[in-house]
Protein backbone atom coordinates (compact mmCIF):
# COMPACT_ATOMS: atom_id res chain seq x y z
CA UNK A 1 146.66 51.52 115.38
CA UNK A 2 147.27 54.01 112.57
CA UNK A 3 144.08 56.07 112.43
CA UNK A 4 143.44 58.69 109.81
CA UNK A 5 140.61 60.18 111.86
CA UNK A 6 139.04 59.55 115.24
CA UNK A 7 135.73 61.26 115.97
CA UNK A 8 134.78 61.73 119.62
CA UNK A 9 131.14 62.46 120.39
CA UNK A 10 131.20 64.27 123.73
CA UNK A 11 134.40 66.04 124.76
CA UNK A 12 133.98 66.22 128.52
CA UNK A 13 136.27 64.53 131.04
CA UNK A 14 136.46 61.14 129.29
CA UNK A 15 136.20 62.26 125.69
CA UNK A 16 138.45 65.27 126.17
CA UNK A 17 141.07 63.18 127.99
CA UNK A 18 140.98 60.63 125.19
CA UNK A 19 141.57 63.35 122.64
CA UNK A 20 144.51 64.69 124.65
CA UNK A 21 145.98 61.19 124.97
CA UNK A 22 145.58 60.46 121.26
CA UNK A 23 147.18 63.77 120.35
CA UNK A 24 150.04 63.32 122.83
CA UNK A 25 150.83 59.85 121.48
CA UNK A 26 150.19 60.82 117.84
CA UNK A 27 147.75 57.96 117.29
CA UNK A 28 145.59 59.65 114.64
CA UNK A 29 146.00 62.06 111.79
CA UNK A 30 143.02 64.10 112.99
CA UNK A 31 140.80 64.19 116.06
CA UNK A 32 137.31 65.58 115.48
CA UNK A 33 135.17 66.69 118.42
CA UNK A 34 131.38 66.56 118.25
CA UNK A 35 129.03 68.08 120.80
CA UNK A 36 126.01 70.26 121.41
CA UNK A 37 127.78 73.22 123.04
CA UNK A 38 130.08 75.26 120.83
CA UNK A 39 131.73 76.81 123.89
CA UNK A 40 132.79 73.37 125.16
CA UNK A 41 134.13 72.39 121.76
CA UNK A 42 136.08 75.64 121.48
CA UNK A 43 137.64 74.97 124.88
CA UNK A 44 138.56 71.44 123.81
CA UNK A 45 140.17 72.86 120.68
CA UNK A 46 142.06 75.51 122.65
CA UNK A 47 143.35 72.84 125.04
CA UNK A 48 144.61 70.74 122.13
CA UNK A 49 142.23 67.83 122.65
CA UNK A 50 140.76 68.05 119.13
CA UNK A 51 141.86 69.38 115.76
CA UNK A 52 138.46 70.56 114.62
CA UNK A 53 134.87 70.39 115.80
CA UNK A 54 131.26 70.46 114.71
CA UNK A 55 127.78 70.44 116.20
CA UNK A 56 126.59 68.18 113.37
CA UNK A 57 126.95 64.49 114.27
CA UNK A 58 126.85 63.19 110.72
CA UNK A 59 129.41 65.73 109.55
CA UNK A 60 131.67 64.92 112.47
CA UNK A 61 131.80 61.15 111.92
CA UNK A 62 132.19 61.32 108.15
CA UNK A 63 135.53 59.80 107.16
CA UNK A 64 136.32 58.46 110.64
CA UNK A 65 138.11 55.15 111.18
CA UNK A 66 137.07 55.17 114.84
CA UNK A 67 134.02 56.80 116.44
CA UNK A 68 133.84 57.04 120.24
CA UNK A 69 130.59 57.67 122.09
CA UNK A 70 131.52 59.64 125.21
CA UNK A 71 128.19 61.17 126.25
CA UNK A 72 125.74 59.94 128.91
CA UNK A 73 124.63 56.44 127.87
CA UNK A 74 121.00 57.51 127.45
CA UNK A 75 122.01 59.54 124.39
CA UNK A 76 123.79 56.75 122.51
CA UNK A 77 120.76 55.56 120.55
CA UNK A 78 119.68 58.97 119.21
CA UNK A 79 123.29 59.89 118.40
CA UNK A 80 123.80 56.71 116.39
CA UNK A 81 120.60 57.43 114.48
CA UNK A 82 122.21 60.67 113.32
CA UNK A 83 125.65 59.18 112.73
CA UNK A 84 124.75 55.94 110.94
CA UNK A 85 124.15 57.31 107.41
CA UNK A 86 127.57 58.99 107.41
CA UNK A 87 129.68 56.14 108.84
CA UNK A 88 132.33 54.95 106.41
CA UNK A 89 132.67 51.32 105.36
CA UNK A 90 134.85 49.51 107.91
CA UNK A 91 134.38 52.16 110.61
CA UNK A 92 134.77 50.90 114.19
CA UNK A 93 132.33 52.39 116.70
CA UNK A 94 132.95 52.13 120.44
CA UNK A 95 131.96 53.85 123.67
CA UNK A 96 133.19 54.64 127.18
CA UNK A 97 129.90 54.00 128.98
CA UNK A 98 129.60 52.52 132.45
CA UNK A 99 126.83 50.05 131.53
CA UNK A 100 126.89 47.63 128.64
CA UNK A 101 123.72 45.54 128.16
CA UNK A 102 121.51 48.59 127.64
CA UNK A 103 124.17 50.17 125.44
CA UNK A 104 124.22 47.11 123.18
CA UNK A 105 120.42 47.16 122.90
CA UNK A 106 120.47 50.83 121.92
CA UNK A 107 123.46 50.77 119.59
CA UNK A 108 123.61 47.44 117.73
CA UNK A 109 120.39 47.87 115.71
CA UNK A 110 121.72 51.22 114.49
CA UNK A 111 125.16 50.07 113.32
CA UNK A 112 125.10 49.91 109.50
CA UNK A 113 126.31 46.91 107.56
CA UNK A 114 130.04 47.04 106.96
CA UNK A 115 130.75 48.74 110.30
CA UNK A 116 131.58 47.20 113.67
CA UNK A 117 130.63 48.06 117.24
CA UNK A 118 132.79 46.90 120.16
CA UNK A 119 131.97 48.26 123.59
CA UNK A 120 134.56 49.59 126.03
CA UNK A 121 134.59 51.00 129.53
CA UNK A 122 137.70 52.69 130.95
CA UNK A 123 137.76 52.70 134.77
CA UNK A 124 139.26 56.16 134.85
CA UNK A 125 136.52 58.64 135.66
CA UNK A 126 136.15 60.86 138.70
CA UNK A 127 133.60 63.14 140.27
CA UNK A 128 135.04 65.95 138.14
CA UNK A 129 133.33 66.69 134.87
CA UNK A 130 133.81 68.72 131.73
CA UNK A 131 136.66 69.52 129.39
CA UNK A 132 138.39 71.64 132.04
CA UNK A 133 139.00 68.48 134.08
CA UNK A 134 140.40 66.49 131.13
CA UNK A 135 144.04 65.38 131.23
CA UNK A 136 146.30 63.54 128.83
CA UNK A 137 147.38 60.96 131.43
CA UNK A 138 143.89 60.00 132.64
CA UNK A 139 144.11 56.56 131.00
CA UNK A 140 147.72 55.77 131.88
CA UNK A 141 147.68 52.30 133.52
CA UNK A 142 143.88 52.48 133.83
CA UNK A 143 141.93 49.25 133.37
CA UNK A 144 139.71 49.26 130.28
CA UNK A 145 137.06 46.60 129.84
CA UNK A 146 136.56 45.70 126.18
CA UNK A 147 133.12 44.19 125.60
CA UNK A 148 132.62 42.38 122.27
CA UNK A 149 129.28 41.12 121.02
CA UNK A 150 128.39 38.04 119.01
CA UNK A 151 128.42 40.29 115.96
CA UNK A 152 131.85 41.79 116.66
CA UNK A 153 134.53 40.95 114.14
CA UNK A 154 137.57 39.52 115.94
CA UNK A 155 139.90 41.79 114.00
CA UNK A 156 137.88 44.80 115.17
CA UNK A 157 138.01 43.62 118.79
CA UNK A 158 141.79 43.20 118.62
CA UNK A 159 142.13 46.60 116.95
CA UNK A 160 140.22 48.27 119.78
CA UNK A 161 142.27 46.45 122.39
CA UNK A 162 145.44 47.61 120.64
CA UNK A 163 144.12 51.18 120.52
CA UNK A 164 143.55 51.29 124.27
CA UNK A 165 146.97 49.81 124.94
CA UNK A 166 148.47 52.46 122.67
CA UNK A 167 146.63 55.09 124.74
CA UNK A 168 148.43 53.68 127.81
CA UNK A 169 145.73 51.55 129.41
CA UNK A 170 145.54 47.94 130.57
CA UNK A 171 142.90 45.89 128.76
CA UNK A 172 140.63 43.06 129.86
CA UNK A 173 138.04 41.43 127.61
CA UNK A 174 134.70 40.73 129.30
CA UNK A 175 131.08 39.99 128.40
CA UNK A 176 128.30 42.53 128.92
CA UNK A 177 126.42 40.58 131.60
CA UNK A 178 129.51 40.09 133.76
CA UNK A 179 130.56 43.71 133.25
CA UNK A 180 127.25 45.08 134.47
CA UNK A 181 127.19 42.78 137.50
CA UNK A 182 130.73 43.72 138.57
CA UNK A 183 130.21 47.44 138.03
CA UNK A 184 126.91 47.41 139.92
CA UNK A 185 128.81 46.31 143.03
CA UNK A 186 132.05 48.22 142.57
CA UNK A 187 130.82 51.53 141.12
CA UNK A 188 127.07 52.02 140.75
CA UNK A 189 126.05 50.94 144.25
CA UNK A 190 128.81 53.04 145.91
CA UNK A 191 127.54 56.10 144.04
CA UNK A 192 123.99 55.45 145.24
CA UNK A 193 125.24 55.00 148.80
CA UNK A 194 127.30 58.21 148.66
CA UNK A 195 124.22 60.10 147.47
CA UNK A 196 122.11 58.53 150.25
CA UNK A 197 124.70 59.53 152.88
CA UNK A 198 124.67 63.11 151.65
CA UNK A 199 120.88 63.23 151.67
CA UNK A 200 120.76 61.71 155.17
CA UNK A 201 123.05 64.39 156.62
CA UNK A 202 121.05 66.91 158.61
CA UNK A 203 121.79 70.60 158.09
CA UNK A 204 122.77 70.82 161.73
CA UNK A 205 125.36 68.06 161.29
CA UNK A 206 127.10 69.84 158.43
CA UNK A 207 129.19 71.74 160.98
CA UNK A 208 130.60 68.44 162.26
CA UNK A 209 131.79 66.82 159.02
CA UNK A 210 135.47 66.05 158.51
CA UNK A 211 137.70 64.58 155.84
CA UNK A 212 136.33 61.10 156.44
CA UNK A 213 132.80 62.10 155.49
CA UNK A 214 133.98 64.07 152.47
CA UNK A 215 136.18 61.18 151.30
CA UNK A 216 133.31 58.70 151.75
CA UNK A 217 130.88 60.84 149.75
CA UNK A 218 133.31 62.19 147.12
CA UNK A 219 131.59 60.47 144.19
CA UNK A 220 128.26 62.09 145.06
CA UNK A 221 129.62 65.15 143.25
CA UNK A 222 129.38 63.28 139.94
CA UNK A 223 127.14 64.45 137.11
CA UNK A 224 123.54 63.66 138.20
CA UNK A 225 122.25 63.22 134.63
CA UNK A 226 125.02 60.78 133.76
CA UNK A 227 124.53 58.76 136.94
CA UNK A 228 120.76 58.72 136.56
CA UNK A 229 121.21 57.04 133.17
CA UNK A 230 123.76 54.58 134.56
CA UNK A 231 121.55 53.52 137.47
CA UNK A 232 118.45 53.15 135.33
CA UNK A 233 120.14 51.21 132.53
CA UNK A 234 121.66 48.77 135.04
CA UNK A 235 118.84 48.81 137.56
CA UNK A 236 118.38 45.03 137.90
CA UNK A 237 122.02 44.53 138.86
CA UNK A 238 122.03 47.64 141.07
CA UNK A 239 118.92 46.36 142.85
CA UNK A 240 120.62 43.00 143.39
CA UNK A 241 123.69 44.73 144.85
CA UNK A 242 121.45 46.97 146.95
CA UNK A 243 119.75 43.90 148.42
CA UNK A 244 123.17 42.55 149.43
CA UNK A 245 123.99 45.86 151.10
CA UNK A 246 120.65 45.96 152.90
CA UNK A 247 121.27 42.45 154.25
CA UNK A 248 124.65 43.52 155.63
CA UNK A 249 123.27 46.71 157.14
CA UNK A 250 120.37 44.74 158.59
CA UNK A 251 122.78 42.41 160.35
CA UNK A 252 124.79 45.37 161.67
CA UNK A 253 121.60 47.09 162.84
CA UNK A 254 120.47 43.96 164.67
CA UNK A 255 123.87 43.64 166.37
CA UNK A 256 123.69 47.27 167.48
CA UNK A 257 120.16 46.89 168.80
CA UNK A 258 121.27 43.90 170.87
CA UNK A 259 124.57 45.55 171.86
CA UNK A 260 126.49 42.54 170.50
CA UNK A 261 130.04 43.85 170.68
CA UNK A 262 131.61 40.74 169.16
CA UNK A 263 129.34 40.77 166.10
CA UNK A 264 129.93 44.49 165.54
CA UNK A 265 133.66 43.99 165.88
CA UNK A 266 133.63 41.13 163.34
CA UNK A 267 131.61 43.25 160.91
CA UNK A 268 134.17 46.08 161.10
CA UNK A 269 137.20 43.76 161.09
CA UNK A 270 136.04 41.96 157.95
CA UNK A 271 135.63 45.29 156.16
CA UNK A 272 139.04 46.54 157.30
CA UNK A 273 140.77 43.32 156.29
CA UNK A 274 139.29 43.32 152.79
CA UNK A 275 140.04 46.99 152.16
CA UNK A 276 143.61 46.68 153.43
CA UNK A 277 144.12 43.72 151.10
CA UNK A 278 142.79 45.63 148.10
CA UNK A 279 145.06 48.59 148.91
CA UNK A 280 148.03 46.26 149.25
CA UNK A 281 148.53 47.24 152.89
């Protein structure tokens, strides 16, 4: 995908890594970084993730073939309000957000005629945050969900899929409803559980934690503002997944109360078997 200019709004872990990957693979003539902290943008420039930067959204997207929203999802709507008047005819707008239905509601009404929006979600994040954690290989072999809408031009969808493959990722096309349901179970619920485990740990028990506890709660170190937006914008699916978890925990609690060794063993064995299969063990 020969891009003259890609503009990335938000140059933290995901946006900064995308800039580094684009620059490494020479996929665009220029990479423009847009943000609200000049210090972050200067760091991104010094690290080679962007060619130039600005604090002005409209200025930053002007002339871009591809605009990538890489901020917390709650900011997408206001950012598009600022960007829309400056978007060039034929510009493709996308995102890297972890929820999709709410993103579409916020973004689609603000996409001007002659431009296209196609959602995307790379499964490549971590609990780390900021431009200092960005790396050029973050998307290598990562799975990227591409989420078209009824309004998406097929050529634009294929162009975005080709872009992510050029970046080094694997691509799967999916609809917004399915995306949000799958991610609620595989990503959003685990984050909520990790946070709950951390909050349930007594101060006295901190002296007894080991690698297992730290591994289990690793994602609780993620950006609270970003995860607040994710949970709220996908709350119906997260609540559904939470109900499933509560049912499983309820069954385990009942087995413990009744000292039912066989039931407890089956509960643990099922979990072990499924995880070993997913790890390829």
